[in-house]
């Protein structure tokens, strides 16, 4: 929890309370459903919560913005971002029902009124549009581009950067960008520019314009 306050010192009391509650909630659920590896649960705040919040270091979404979290798994990056930005609406989706049940419970336990979780795949969504899609360690960029086609994004833009996909990535990001169709616009930001911990050395926030 201290590592969150280190980089986000202006949290309200309610935000601090919600972030602090994540440890017990995830330990309890992890004993029943293996969401996070057993050895990694001790690094929940650095490896999962703070990692998710790297998106907020790139861009703070405007009040009323609508964000889709594709392949949310245990609720990352959606839940930490929803705690940090209570005036932004987050829709967390995953194809695995047992994961979504955990996320729904965490949202309920935290009293997060700006987040909802649903078992559905991005390609199955109909008649809904978002300002941005966020994702963490779900799939390679060409697949993410396929799943989050233009139909998922609003035409109206209201942020400093155009609507698009913001993905937390590791590995060979250059190769993934190269595999995209020609003409796609991307930007990459090393997370080590935001957070000094060794864990983030090879990790990136990647932006892909809609």
N, C-alpha and C. Protein backbone atom coordinates (compact mmCIF):
# COMPACT_ATOMS: atom_id res chain seq x y z
N UNK A 1 0.82 -1.21 0.00
CA UNK A 1 0.00 0.00 0.00
C UNK A 1 0.87 1.27 0.00
N UNK A 2 1.99 1.22 0.71
CA UNK A 2 2.87 2.40 0.77
C UNK A 2 3.39 2.79 -0.60
N UNK A 3 3.61 1.78 -1.44
CA UNK A 3 4.14 2.05 -2.78
C UNK A 3 3.13 2.84 -3.62
N UNK A 4 1.85 2.65 -3.37
CA UNK A 4 0.81 3.42 -4.09
C UNK A 4 0.86 4.88 -3.64
N UNK A 5 0.96 5.08 -2.34
CA UNK A 5 1.01 6.46 -1.80
C UNK A 5 2.30 7.17 -2.22
N UNK A 6 3.34 6.41 -2.45
CA UNK A 6 4.62 6.99 -2.90
C UNK A 6 4.45 7.74 -4.22
N UNK A 7 3.68 7.14 -5.14
CA UNK A 7 3.52 7.74 -6.47
C UNK A 7 2.21 8.50 -6.63
N UNK A 8 1.28 8.28 -5.71
CA UNK A 8 -0.01 8.98 -5.75
C UNK A 8 -0.30 9.55 -4.36
N UNK A 9 0.43 10.59 -3.98
CA UNK A 9 0.33 11.10 -2.60
C UNK A 9 -0.96 11.85 -2.30
N UNK A 10 -1.72 12.21 -3.32
CA UNK A 10 -2.92 13.03 -3.11
C UNK A 10 -4.20 12.22 -3.00
N UNK A 11 -4.10 10.95 -2.64
CA UNK A 11 -5.29 10.11 -2.50
C UNK A 11 -6.20 10.62 -1.39
N UNK A 12 -7.51 10.48 -1.59
CA UNK A 12 -8.46 10.81 -0.52
C UNK A 12 -8.47 9.67 0.50
N UNK A 13 -9.09 9.91 1.63
CA UNK A 13 -9.22 8.86 2.65
C UNK A 13 -9.94 7.64 2.11
N UNK A 14 -10.99 7.89 1.32
CA UNK A 14 -11.75 6.77 0.75
C UNK A 14 -10.91 5.96 -0.22
N UNK A 15 -10.13 6.64 -1.04
CA UNK A 15 -9.26 5.93 -1.98
C UNK A 15 -8.21 5.09 -1.23
N UNK A 16 -7.63 5.67 -0.19
CA UNK A 16 -6.65 4.92 0.61
C UNK A 16 -7.30 3.66 1.22
N UNK A 17 -8.51 3.84 1.73
CA UNK A 17 -9.24 2.73 2.34
C UNK A 17 -9.48 1.62 1.31
N UNK A 18 -9.89 2.01 0.10
CA UNK A 18 -10.17 1.01 -0.94
C UNK A 18 -8.91 0.31 -1.41
N UNK A 19 -7.85 1.05 -1.62
CA UNK A 19 -6.59 0.40 -2.00
C UNK A 19 -6.11 -0.55 -0.92
N UNK A 20 -6.21 -0.12 0.34
CA UNK A 20 -5.77 -0.96 1.46
C UNK A 20 -6.59 -2.25 1.54
N UNK A 21 -7.86 -2.18 1.17
CA UNK A 21 -8.76 -3.34 1.26
C UNK A 21 -8.43 -4.41 0.22
N UNK A 22 -7.71 -4.05 -0.83
CA UNK A 22 -7.43 -5.01 -1.91
C UNK A 22 -6.63 -6.22 -1.43
N UNK A 23 -5.71 -6.01 -0.51
CA UNK A 23 -4.84 -7.10 -0.07
C UNK A 23 -5.66 -8.27 0.49
N UNK A 24 -6.51 -8.00 1.46
CA UNK A 24 -7.31 -9.07 2.08
C UNK A 24 -8.29 -9.67 1.07
N UNK A 25 -8.90 -8.84 0.24
CA UNK A 25 -9.87 -9.33 -0.75
C UNK A 25 -9.22 -10.32 -1.72
N UNK A 26 -8.05 -9.95 -2.23
CA UNK A 26 -7.39 -10.82 -3.21
C UNK A 26 -6.76 -12.05 -2.56
N UNK A 27 -6.26 -11.91 -1.34
CA UNK A 27 -5.73 -13.11 -0.66
C UNK A 27 -6.86 -14.11 -0.41
N UNK A 28 -8.01 -13.61 -0.01
CA UNK A 28 -9.15 -14.48 0.26
C UNK A 28 -9.59 -15.20 -1.02
N UNK A 29 -9.76 -14.43 -2.09
CA UNK A 29 -10.21 -15.03 -3.34
C UNK A 29 -9.14 -15.94 -3.95
N UNK A 30 -7.89 -15.56 -3.78
CA UNK A 30 -6.81 -16.34 -4.38
C UNK A 30 -6.70 -17.74 -3.77
N UNK A 31 -7.16 -17.86 -2.54
CA UNK A 31 -7.17 -19.18 -1.88
C UNK A 31 -8.21 -20.09 -2.51
N UNK A 32 -9.25 -19.48 -3.14
CA UNK A 32 -10.33 -20.26 -3.75
C UNK A 32 -10.16 -20.39 -5.26
N UNK A 33 -9.77 -19.30 -5.89
CA UNK A 33 -9.61 -19.26 -7.35
C UNK A 33 -8.20 -18.74 -7.63
N UNK A 34 -7.43 -19.49 -8.38
CA UNK A 34 -6.04 -19.08 -8.60
C UNK A 34 -5.95 -17.96 -9.63
N UNK A 35 -6.08 -16.72 -9.14
CA UNK A 35 -6.03 -15.54 -10.01
C UNK A 35 -4.59 -15.06 -10.20
N UNK A 36 -3.86 -15.06 -9.10
CA UNK A 36 -2.50 -14.53 -9.07
C UNK A 36 -1.62 -15.66 -8.53
N UNK A 37 -0.44 -15.83 -9.10
CA UNK A 37 0.42 -16.93 -8.63
C UNK A 37 0.70 -16.78 -7.14
N UNK A 38 0.85 -17.90 -6.48
CA UNK A 38 1.01 -17.91 -5.01
C UNK A 38 2.17 -17.03 -4.55
N UNK A 39 3.28 -17.07 -5.29
CA UNK A 39 4.43 -16.26 -4.88
C UNK A 39 4.23 -14.78 -5.21
N UNK A 40 3.35 -14.50 -6.18
CA UNK A 40 3.15 -13.12 -6.63
C UNK A 40 2.17 -12.35 -5.75
N UNK A 41 1.33 -13.06 -5.00
CA UNK A 41 0.32 -12.38 -4.18
C UNK A 41 0.98 -11.46 -3.15
N UNK A 42 2.20 -11.79 -2.72
CA UNK A 42 2.92 -10.92 -1.79
C UNK A 42 3.41 -9.63 -2.45
N UNK A 43 3.37 -9.61 -3.77
CA UNK A 43 3.76 -8.39 -4.52
C UNK A 43 2.55 -7.76 -5.20
N UNK A 44 1.38 -7.97 -4.63
CA UNK A 44 0.13 -7.48 -5.24
C UNK A 44 0.21 -6.00 -5.60
N UNK A 45 0.66 -5.17 -4.65
CA UNK A 45 0.61 -3.73 -4.88
C UNK A 45 1.59 -3.27 -5.96
N UNK A 46 2.80 -3.84 -5.96
CA UNK A 46 3.77 -3.43 -6.97
C UNK A 46 3.46 -4.04 -8.34
N UNK A 47 3.27 -5.34 -8.38
CA UNK A 47 3.17 -6.05 -9.65
C UNK A 47 1.81 -5.94 -10.33
N UNK A 48 0.78 -5.62 -9.58
CA UNK A 48 -0.57 -5.61 -10.14
C UNK A 48 -1.26 -4.24 -10.01
N UNK A 49 -1.29 -3.71 -8.80
CA UNK A 49 -2.00 -2.45 -8.58
C UNK A 49 -1.23 -1.27 -9.18
N UNK A 50 0.03 -1.12 -8.78
CA UNK A 50 0.82 0.01 -9.31
C UNK A 50 1.04 -0.13 -10.81
N UNK A 51 1.29 -1.36 -11.26
CA UNK A 51 1.44 -1.60 -12.70
C UNK A 51 0.21 -1.09 -13.46
N UNK A 52 -0.97 -1.39 -12.95
CA UNK A 52 -2.21 -0.91 -13.57
C UNK A 52 -2.27 0.61 -13.62
N UNK A 53 -1.79 1.24 -12.57
CA UNK A 53 -1.88 2.70 -12.44
C UNK A 53 -0.88 3.44 -13.33
N UNK A 54 0.02 2.70 -13.99
CA UNK A 54 0.92 3.35 -14.95
C UNK A 54 0.12 4.05 -16.05
N UNK A 55 -1.06 3.50 -16.36
CA UNK A 55 -1.93 4.13 -17.37
C UNK A 55 -2.32 5.54 -16.94
N UNK A 56 -2.55 5.72 -15.64
CA UNK A 56 -2.94 7.04 -15.13
C UNK A 56 -1.79 8.04 -15.18
N UNK A 57 -0.55 7.53 -15.19
CA UNK A 57 0.60 8.42 -15.33
C UNK A 57 0.72 8.94 -16.76
N UNK A 58 0.20 8.15 -17.70
CA UNK A 58 0.18 8.59 -19.10
C UNK A 58 -0.99 9.53 -19.34
N UNK A 59 -2.17 9.16 -18.85
CA UNK A 59 -3.38 9.92 -19.14
C UNK A 59 -4.40 9.79 -18.02
N UNK A 60 -4.85 10.92 -17.50
CA UNK A 60 -5.98 10.93 -16.57
C UNK A 60 -7.24 11.13 -17.40
N UNK A 61 -8.15 10.18 -17.33
CA UNK A 61 -9.37 10.28 -18.12
C UNK A 61 -10.27 11.39 -17.57
N UNK A 62 -10.98 12.05 -18.46
CA UNK A 62 -11.88 13.13 -18.06
C UNK A 62 -13.08 12.59 -17.29
N UNK A 63 -13.66 13.40 -16.39
CA UNK A 63 -14.90 13.00 -15.72
C UNK A 63 -15.97 12.62 -16.76
N UNK A 64 -16.64 11.50 -16.52
CA UNK A 64 -17.69 11.05 -17.43
C UNK A 64 -17.19 10.18 -18.58
N UNK A 65 -15.86 10.06 -18.72
CA UNK A 65 -15.31 9.20 -19.78
C UNK A 65 -15.73 7.75 -19.53
N UNK A 66 -15.83 7.00 -20.61
CA UNK A 66 -16.21 5.58 -20.53
C UNK A 66 -15.05 4.72 -21.04
N UNK A 67 -14.61 3.81 -20.18
CA UNK A 67 -13.41 3.02 -20.46
C UNK A 67 -13.76 1.53 -20.42
N UNK A 68 -13.27 0.79 -21.41
CA UNK A 68 -13.45 -0.66 -21.46
C UNK A 68 -12.14 -1.35 -21.10
N UNK A 69 -12.19 -2.27 -20.14
CA UNK A 69 -11.03 -3.08 -19.77
C UNK A 69 -11.23 -4.47 -20.37
N UNK A 70 -10.45 -4.79 -21.40
CA UNK A 70 -10.59 -6.05 -22.13
C UNK A 70 -9.69 -7.13 -21.50
N UNK A 71 -10.28 -8.28 -21.21
CA UNK A 71 -9.52 -9.39 -20.61
C UNK A 71 -9.03 -9.02 -19.23
N UNK A 72 -9.94 -8.51 -18.41
CA UNK A 72 -9.57 -7.95 -17.10
C UNK A 72 -8.98 -8.96 -16.14
N UNK A 73 -9.24 -10.27 -16.35
CA UNK A 73 -8.69 -11.28 -15.44
C UNK A 73 -9.20 -11.07 -14.03
N UNK A 74 -8.30 -10.77 -13.11
CA UNK A 74 -8.69 -10.51 -11.72
C UNK A 74 -9.12 -9.08 -11.45
N UNK A 75 -9.25 -8.28 -12.50
CA UNK A 75 -9.70 -6.89 -12.33
C UNK A 75 -8.62 -5.86 -12.59
N UNK A 76 -7.60 -6.24 -13.36
CA UNK A 76 -6.50 -5.33 -13.66
C UNK A 76 -6.40 -5.06 -15.16
N UNK A 77 -6.28 -3.81 -15.55
CA UNK A 77 -6.05 -2.61 -14.74
C UNK A 77 -7.31 -1.91 -14.24
N UNK A 78 -8.50 -2.45 -14.54
CA UNK A 78 -9.74 -1.71 -14.32
C UNK A 78 -10.02 -1.28 -12.89
N UNK A 79 -9.85 -2.20 -11.92
CA UNK A 79 -10.21 -1.86 -10.54
C UNK A 79 -9.31 -0.77 -9.96
N UNK A 80 -7.97 -0.89 -10.05
CA UNK A 80 -7.15 0.21 -9.53
C UNK A 80 -7.46 1.56 -10.20
N UNK A 81 -7.69 1.54 -11.51
CA UNK A 81 -8.02 2.79 -12.21
C UNK A 81 -9.36 3.35 -11.75
N UNK A 82 -10.32 2.47 -11.50
CA UNK A 82 -11.65 2.91 -11.03
C UNK A 82 -11.56 3.52 -9.63
N UNK A 83 -10.68 2.97 -8.79
CA UNK A 83 -10.49 3.57 -7.45
C UNK A 83 -9.88 4.96 -7.60
N UNK A 84 -8.88 5.07 -8.47
CA UNK A 84 -8.17 6.33 -8.64
C UNK A 84 -9.02 7.41 -9.31
N UNK A 85 -9.91 6.99 -10.21
CA UNK A 85 -10.73 7.95 -10.98
C UNK A 85 -12.21 7.66 -10.77
N UNK A 86 -12.76 8.05 -9.63
CA UNK A 86 -14.14 7.69 -9.29
C UNK A 86 -15.20 8.34 -10.18
N UNK A 87 -14.81 9.36 -10.94
CA UNK A 87 -15.78 10.04 -11.82
C UNK A 87 -15.69 9.55 -13.26
N UNK A 88 -15.00 8.43 -13.46
CA UNK A 88 -14.88 7.81 -14.79
C UNK A 88 -15.57 6.45 -14.73
N UNK A 89 -16.26 6.07 -15.82
CA UNK A 89 -16.99 4.80 -15.84
C UNK A 89 -16.13 3.70 -16.46
N UNK A 90 -16.03 2.57 -15.76
CA UNK A 90 -15.22 1.45 -16.22
C UNK A 90 -16.09 0.21 -16.42
N UNK A 91 -15.92 -0.42 -17.58
CA UNK A 91 -16.61 -1.67 -17.92
C UNK A 91 -15.54 -2.74 -18.06
N UNK A 92 -15.51 -3.67 -17.12
CA UNK A 92 -14.48 -4.72 -17.08
C UNK A 92 -15.05 -6.00 -17.66
N UNK A 93 -14.41 -6.54 -18.69
CA UNK A 93 -14.93 -7.75 -19.32
C UNK A 93 -13.86 -8.85 -19.40
N UNK A 94 -14.33 -10.08 -19.36
CA UNK A 94 -13.46 -11.25 -19.51
C UNK A 94 -14.34 -12.41 -19.95
N UNK A 95 -13.75 -13.35 -20.68
CA UNK A 95 -14.52 -14.50 -21.14
C UNK A 95 -14.66 -15.60 -20.10
N UNK A 96 -13.91 -15.49 -18.99
CA UNK A 96 -13.92 -16.56 -17.98
C UNK A 96 -14.83 -16.19 -16.82
N UNK A 97 -15.88 -16.97 -16.64
CA UNK A 97 -16.91 -16.65 -15.65
C UNK A 97 -16.35 -16.60 -14.22
N UNK A 98 -15.49 -17.55 -13.85
CA UNK A 98 -15.01 -17.57 -12.46
C UNK A 98 -14.20 -16.32 -12.14
N UNK A 99 -13.49 -15.79 -13.12
CA UNK A 99 -12.74 -14.55 -12.89
C UNK A 99 -13.69 -13.37 -12.74
N UNK A 100 -14.71 -13.32 -13.58
CA UNK A 100 -15.67 -12.21 -13.51
C UNK A 100 -16.42 -12.23 -12.19
N UNK A 101 -16.73 -13.40 -11.66
CA UNK A 101 -17.41 -13.48 -10.36
C UNK A 101 -16.55 -12.86 -9.26
N UNK A 102 -15.24 -13.11 -9.32
CA UNK A 102 -14.31 -12.50 -8.36
C UNK A 102 -14.34 -10.98 -8.51
N UNK A 103 -14.22 -10.51 -9.74
CA UNK A 103 -14.17 -9.07 -9.99
C UNK A 103 -15.47 -8.40 -9.53
N UNK A 104 -16.59 -9.04 -9.80
CA UNK A 104 -17.89 -8.50 -9.36
C UNK A 104 -17.93 -8.38 -7.84
N UNK A 105 -17.40 -9.39 -7.15
CA UNK A 105 -17.40 -9.36 -5.69
C UNK A 105 -16.47 -8.26 -5.17
N UNK A 106 -15.30 -8.13 -5.76
CA UNK A 106 -14.36 -7.08 -5.32
C UNK A 106 -14.98 -5.70 -5.52
N UNK A 107 -15.61 -5.49 -6.67
CA UNK A 107 -16.29 -4.21 -6.94
C UNK A 107 -17.36 -3.94 -5.89
N UNK A 108 -18.13 -4.98 -5.57
CA UNK A 108 -19.20 -4.83 -4.58
C UNK A 108 -18.64 -4.55 -3.19
N UNK A 109 -17.61 -5.31 -2.79
CA UNK A 109 -17.02 -5.13 -1.46
C UNK A 109 -16.42 -3.73 -1.30
N UNK A 110 -15.87 -3.21 -2.39
CA UNK A 110 -15.26 -1.87 -2.34
C UNK A 110 -16.29 -0.75 -2.46
N UNK A 111 -17.49 -1.10 -2.89
CA UNK A 111 -18.52 -0.07 -3.12
C UNK A 111 -18.18 0.82 -4.31
N UNK A 112 -17.59 0.22 -5.33
CA UNK A 112 -17.20 0.99 -6.53
C UNK A 112 -18.40 1.16 -7.46
N UNK A 113 -19.04 2.29 -7.40
CA UNK A 113 -20.24 2.51 -8.21
C UNK A 113 -19.91 2.86 -9.66
N UNK A 114 -18.65 3.15 -9.93
CA UNK A 114 -18.25 3.56 -11.29
C UNK A 114 -17.65 2.40 -12.09
N UNK A 115 -17.80 1.17 -11.57
CA UNK A 115 -17.25 0.01 -12.28
C UNK A 115 -18.28 -1.11 -12.34
N UNK A 116 -18.29 -1.82 -13.46
CA UNK A 116 -19.14 -3.02 -13.58
C UNK A 116 -18.34 -4.09 -14.33
N UNK A 117 -18.59 -5.35 -14.00
CA UNK A 117 -17.88 -6.46 -14.61
C UNK A 117 -18.87 -7.40 -15.29
N UNK A 118 -18.47 -7.92 -16.45
CA UNK A 118 -19.39 -8.75 -17.24
C UNK A 118 -18.61 -9.84 -17.97
N UNK A 119 -19.21 -11.03 -18.01
CA UNK A 119 -18.60 -12.11 -18.79
C UNK A 119 -19.01 -11.96 -20.25
N UNK A 120 -18.12 -11.41 -21.03
CA UNK A 120 -18.37 -11.22 -22.46
C UNK A 120 -17.02 -10.96 -23.12
N UNK A 121 -16.90 -11.30 -24.39
CA UNK A 121 -15.67 -11.00 -25.13
C UNK A 121 -15.86 -9.69 -25.91
N UNK A 122 -14.77 -9.00 -26.15
CA UNK A 122 -14.84 -7.70 -26.82
C UNK A 122 -15.55 -7.79 -28.17
N UNK A 123 -15.27 -8.88 -28.90
CA UNK A 123 -15.86 -9.02 -30.23
C UNK A 123 -17.37 -9.29 -30.19
N UNK A 124 -17.89 -9.61 -29.00
CA UNK A 124 -19.32 -9.87 -28.84
C UNK A 124 -20.10 -8.61 -28.42
N UNK A 125 -19.39 -7.56 -28.05
CA UNK A 125 -20.08 -6.34 -27.60
C UNK A 125 -20.80 -5.68 -28.77
N UNK A 126 -22.02 -5.23 -28.49
CA UNK A 126 -22.80 -4.57 -29.54
C UNK A 126 -23.41 -3.28 -29.00
N UNK A 127 -23.47 -2.29 -29.87
CA UNK A 127 -24.12 -1.01 -29.58
C UNK A 127 -23.57 -0.32 -28.32
N UNK A 128 -22.29 -0.49 -28.07
CA UNK A 128 -21.64 0.26 -26.99
C UNK A 128 -20.34 0.85 -27.53
N UNK A 129 -20.01 2.05 -27.06
CA UNK A 129 -18.77 2.69 -27.51
C UNK A 129 -18.08 3.34 -26.32
N UNK A 130 -16.76 3.46 -26.46
CA UNK A 130 -15.93 3.93 -25.34
C UNK A 130 -14.94 4.99 -25.82
N UNK A 131 -14.45 5.75 -24.85
CA UNK A 131 -13.39 6.72 -25.17
C UNK A 131 -12.06 5.99 -25.36
N UNK A 132 -11.78 5.07 -24.44
CA UNK A 132 -10.53 4.30 -24.52
C UNK A 132 -10.78 2.85 -24.12
N UNK A 133 -9.95 1.97 -24.67
CA UNK A 133 -9.90 0.58 -24.22
C UNK A 133 -8.56 0.40 -23.52
N UNK A 134 -8.58 -0.21 -22.34
CA UNK A 134 -7.34 -0.51 -21.63
C UNK A 134 -7.19 -2.02 -21.49
N UNK A 135 -5.96 -2.48 -21.39
CA UNK A 135 -5.74 -3.91 -21.28
C UNK A 135 -4.35 -4.18 -20.70
N UNK A 136 -4.19 -5.36 -20.12
CA UNK A 136 -2.92 -5.71 -19.47
C UNK A 136 -2.60 -7.18 -19.73
N UNK A 137 -1.51 -7.41 -20.45
CA UNK A 137 -0.99 -8.77 -20.65
C UNK A 137 -2.05 -9.76 -21.13
N UNK A 138 -2.81 -9.35 -22.14
CA UNK A 138 -3.90 -10.21 -22.64
C UNK A 138 -3.52 -10.90 -23.94
N UNK A 139 -3.04 -10.13 -24.91
CA UNK A 139 -2.75 -10.70 -26.23
C UNK A 139 -1.82 -9.76 -26.98
N UNK A 140 -1.33 -10.25 -28.12
CA UNK A 140 -0.46 -9.40 -28.94
C UNK A 140 -1.29 -8.31 -29.62
N UNK A 141 -0.59 -7.26 -30.04
CA UNK A 141 -1.27 -6.06 -30.55
C UNK A 141 -2.17 -6.31 -31.74
N UNK A 142 -1.72 -7.17 -32.67
CA UNK A 142 -2.56 -7.40 -33.86
C UNK A 142 -3.90 -8.03 -33.47
N UNK A 143 -3.89 -8.89 -32.44
CA UNK A 143 -5.14 -9.49 -31.96
C UNK A 143 -5.98 -8.44 -31.23
N UNK A 144 -5.34 -7.63 -30.41
CA UNK A 144 -6.06 -6.58 -29.69
C UNK A 144 -6.72 -5.61 -30.67
N UNK A 145 -6.00 -5.29 -31.73
CA UNK A 145 -6.54 -4.40 -32.76
C UNK A 145 -7.78 -5.03 -33.42
N UNK A 146 -7.71 -6.34 -33.65
CA UNK A 146 -8.84 -7.06 -34.25
C UNK A 146 -10.06 -7.04 -33.34
N UNK A 147 -9.82 -7.32 -32.04
CA UNK A 147 -10.93 -7.39 -31.07
C UNK A 147 -11.54 -6.02 -30.82
N UNK A 148 -10.72 -4.98 -30.81
CA UNK A 148 -11.21 -3.63 -30.46
C UNK A 148 -11.26 -2.78 -31.72
N UNK A 149 -12.05 -3.22 -32.65
CA UNK A 149 -12.14 -2.51 -33.92
C UNK A 149 -12.78 -1.14 -33.73
N UNK A 150 -12.78 -0.36 -34.79
CA UNK A 150 -13.26 1.02 -34.75
C UNK A 150 -14.66 1.16 -34.14
N UNK A 151 -15.48 0.14 -34.32
CA UNK A 151 -16.87 0.23 -33.84
C UNK A 151 -16.97 0.42 -32.33
N UNK A 152 -15.92 0.04 -31.60
CA UNK A 152 -15.97 0.16 -30.13
C UNK A 152 -15.62 1.55 -29.62
N UNK A 153 -15.13 2.41 -30.51
CA UNK A 153 -14.69 3.74 -30.06
C UNK A 153 -15.66 4.84 -30.46
N UNK A 154 -15.84 5.78 -29.55
CA UNK A 154 -16.67 6.95 -29.84
C UNK A 154 -16.00 7.80 -30.92
N UNK A 155 -16.83 8.45 -31.71
CA UNK A 155 -16.29 9.37 -32.72
C UNK A 155 -15.84 10.68 -32.07
N UNK A 156 -16.58 11.09 -31.04
CA UNK A 156 -16.25 12.35 -30.35
C UNK A 156 -15.02 12.15 -29.47
N UNK A 157 -14.09 13.08 -29.57
CA UNK A 157 -12.87 12.99 -28.78
C UNK A 157 -12.79 14.16 -27.81
N UNK A 158 -12.37 13.88 -26.58
CA UNK A 158 -12.38 14.92 -25.56
C UNK A 158 -11.14 14.88 -24.66
N UNK A 159 -10.09 14.17 -25.10
CA UNK A 159 -8.86 14.05 -24.31
C UNK A 159 -7.68 14.63 -25.09
N UNK A 160 -6.56 14.83 -24.42
CA UNK A 160 -5.38 15.38 -25.11
C UNK A 160 -4.86 14.49 -26.24
N UNK A 161 -5.16 13.19 -26.16
CA UNK A 161 -4.80 12.30 -27.27
C UNK A 161 -6.08 11.69 -27.83
N UNK A 162 -6.09 11.34 -29.13
CA UNK A 162 -7.30 10.76 -29.72
C UNK A 162 -7.69 9.44 -29.04
N UNK A 163 -8.96 9.09 -29.13
CA UNK A 163 -9.45 7.83 -28.57
C UNK A 163 -8.64 6.66 -29.13
N UNK A 164 -8.49 5.62 -28.30
CA UNK A 164 -7.72 4.47 -28.78
C UNK A 164 -7.49 3.44 -27.68
N UNK A 165 -6.56 2.56 -27.96
CA UNK A 165 -6.21 1.47 -27.05
C UNK A 165 -4.98 1.85 -26.24
N UNK A 166 -5.03 1.60 -24.92
CA UNK A 166 -3.86 1.79 -24.06
C UNK A 166 -3.56 0.45 -23.41
N UNK A 167 -2.41 -0.13 -23.77
CA UNK A 167 -2.08 -1.48 -23.32
C UNK A 167 -0.80 -1.47 -22.48
N UNK A 168 -0.83 -2.23 -21.39
CA UNK A 168 0.36 -2.46 -20.59
C UNK A 168 1.07 -3.66 -21.19
N UNK A 169 2.30 -3.46 -21.64
CA UNK A 169 3.00 -4.49 -22.39
C UNK A 169 4.40 -4.75 -21.84
N UNK A 170 4.85 -6.00 -22.05
CA UNK A 170 6.24 -6.37 -21.82
C UNK A 170 6.71 -7.11 -23.04
N UNK A 171 7.90 -7.67 -22.99
CA UNK A 171 8.36 -8.48 -24.11
C UNK A 171 8.77 -7.64 -25.31
N UNK A 172 8.69 -8.25 -26.48
CA UNK A 172 9.18 -7.62 -27.71
C UNK A 172 8.11 -6.73 -28.33
N UNK A 173 7.97 -5.55 -27.78
CA UNK A 173 6.92 -4.62 -28.24
C UNK A 173 7.19 -4.15 -29.67
N UNK A 174 8.44 -3.96 -30.01
CA UNK A 174 8.78 -3.49 -31.37
C UNK A 174 8.28 -4.48 -32.42
N UNK A 175 8.44 -5.77 -32.15
CA UNK A 175 7.99 -6.79 -33.10
C UNK A 175 6.47 -6.77 -33.23
N UNK A 176 5.78 -6.55 -32.10
CA UNK A 176 4.31 -6.48 -32.14
C UNK A 176 3.84 -5.29 -32.97
N UNK A 177 4.50 -4.16 -32.80
CA UNK A 177 4.14 -2.95 -33.57
C UNK A 177 4.40 -3.19 -35.06
N UNK A 178 5.53 -3.83 -35.35
CA UNK A 178 5.89 -4.11 -36.75
C UNK A 178 4.87 -5.02 -37.43
N UNK A 179 4.23 -5.90 -36.64
CA UNK A 179 3.25 -6.85 -37.20
C UNK A 179 1.90 -6.21 -37.47
N UNK A 180 1.70 -4.97 -37.03
CA UNK A 180 0.43 -4.28 -37.29
C UNK A 180 0.31 -3.89 -38.76
N UNK A 181 -0.91 -3.73 -39.27
CA UNK A 181 -1.06 -3.25 -40.64
C UNK A 181 -0.41 -1.88 -40.81
N UNK A 182 0.04 -1.58 -42.01
CA UNK A 182 0.68 -0.30 -42.27
C UNK A 182 -0.29 0.85 -42.00
N UNK A 183 0.26 1.94 -41.50
CA UNK A 183 -0.57 3.13 -41.26
C UNK A 183 -1.10 3.26 -39.85
N UNK A 184 -0.91 2.23 -39.03
CA UNK A 184 -1.36 2.31 -37.63
C UNK A 184 -0.44 3.24 -36.85
N UNK A 185 -1.03 4.09 -35.99
CA UNK A 185 -0.23 5.04 -35.22
C UNK A 185 -0.09 4.56 -33.78
N UNK A 186 1.15 4.39 -33.34
CA UNK A 186 1.42 3.95 -31.98
C UNK A 186 2.42 4.87 -31.29
N UNK A 187 2.37 4.87 -29.98
CA UNK A 187 3.38 5.53 -29.15
C UNK A 187 3.70 4.58 -27.99
N UNK A 188 4.96 4.55 -27.57
CA UNK A 188 5.33 3.72 -26.42
C UNK A 188 5.99 4.57 -25.34
N UNK A 189 5.69 4.23 -24.10
CA UNK A 189 6.21 4.97 -22.95
C UNK A 189 6.77 3.97 -21.94
N UNK A 190 8.09 4.01 -21.66
CA UNK A 190 8.65 3.10 -20.65
C UNK A 190 8.07 3.39 -19.27
N UNK A 191 7.58 2.36 -18.59
CA UNK A 191 7.02 2.56 -17.26
C UNK A 191 8.10 2.98 -16.27
N UNK A 192 9.36 2.65 -16.60
CA UNK A 192 10.47 3.09 -15.73
C UNK A 192 10.60 4.62 -15.69
N UNK A 193 9.96 5.31 -16.64
CA UNK A 193 9.91 6.79 -16.57
C UNK A 193 8.97 7.26 -15.47
N UNK A 194 8.04 6.39 -15.06
CA UNK A 194 7.05 6.75 -14.04
C UNK A 194 7.41 6.17 -12.67
N UNK A 195 7.88 4.92 -12.67
CA UNK A 195 8.15 4.20 -11.42
C UNK A 195 9.58 3.66 -11.43
N UNK A 196 10.29 3.80 -10.30
CA UNK A 196 11.71 3.47 -10.27
C UNK A 196 12.02 2.00 -9.95
N UNK A 197 11.03 1.23 -9.53
CA UNK A 197 11.28 -0.15 -9.12
C UNK A 197 11.78 -1.01 -10.29
N UNK A 198 12.66 -1.94 -9.96
CA UNK A 198 13.30 -2.82 -10.96
C UNK A 198 12.27 -3.59 -11.79
N UNK A 199 11.15 -3.94 -11.17
CA UNK A 199 10.10 -4.72 -11.84
C UNK A 199 9.63 -4.07 -13.14
N UNK A 200 9.69 -2.75 -13.20
CA UNK A 200 9.12 -2.03 -14.35
C UNK A 200 10.14 -1.74 -15.46
N UNK A 201 11.35 -2.25 -15.29
CA UNK A 201 12.45 -1.89 -16.19
C UNK A 201 12.16 -2.19 -17.66
N UNK A 202 11.55 -3.33 -17.92
CA UNK A 202 11.31 -3.75 -19.32
C UNK A 202 9.84 -3.57 -19.73
N UNK A 203 9.07 -2.86 -18.93
CA UNK A 203 7.63 -2.76 -19.20
C UNK A 203 7.26 -1.42 -19.83
N UNK A 204 6.20 -1.45 -20.62
CA UNK A 204 5.80 -0.27 -21.40
C UNK A 204 4.29 -0.01 -21.26
N UNK A 205 3.93 1.26 -21.45
CA UNK A 205 2.55 1.60 -21.76
C UNK A 205 2.53 1.88 -23.25
N UNK A 206 1.66 1.19 -23.96
CA UNK A 206 1.59 1.37 -25.41
C UNK A 206 0.25 1.97 -25.80
N UNK A 207 0.28 2.99 -26.63
CA UNK A 207 -0.94 3.64 -27.12
C UNK A 207 -1.09 3.33 -28.61
N UNK A 208 -2.26 2.88 -28.99
CA UNK A 208 -2.60 2.59 -30.37
C UNK A 208 -3.85 3.39 -30.74
N UNK A 209 -3.68 4.34 -31.64
CA UNK A 209 -4.81 5.23 -31.98
C UNK A 209 -5.93 4.45 -32.67
N UNK A 210 -7.16 4.78 -32.31
CA UNK A 210 -8.32 4.09 -32.89
C UNK A 210 -8.41 4.36 -34.39
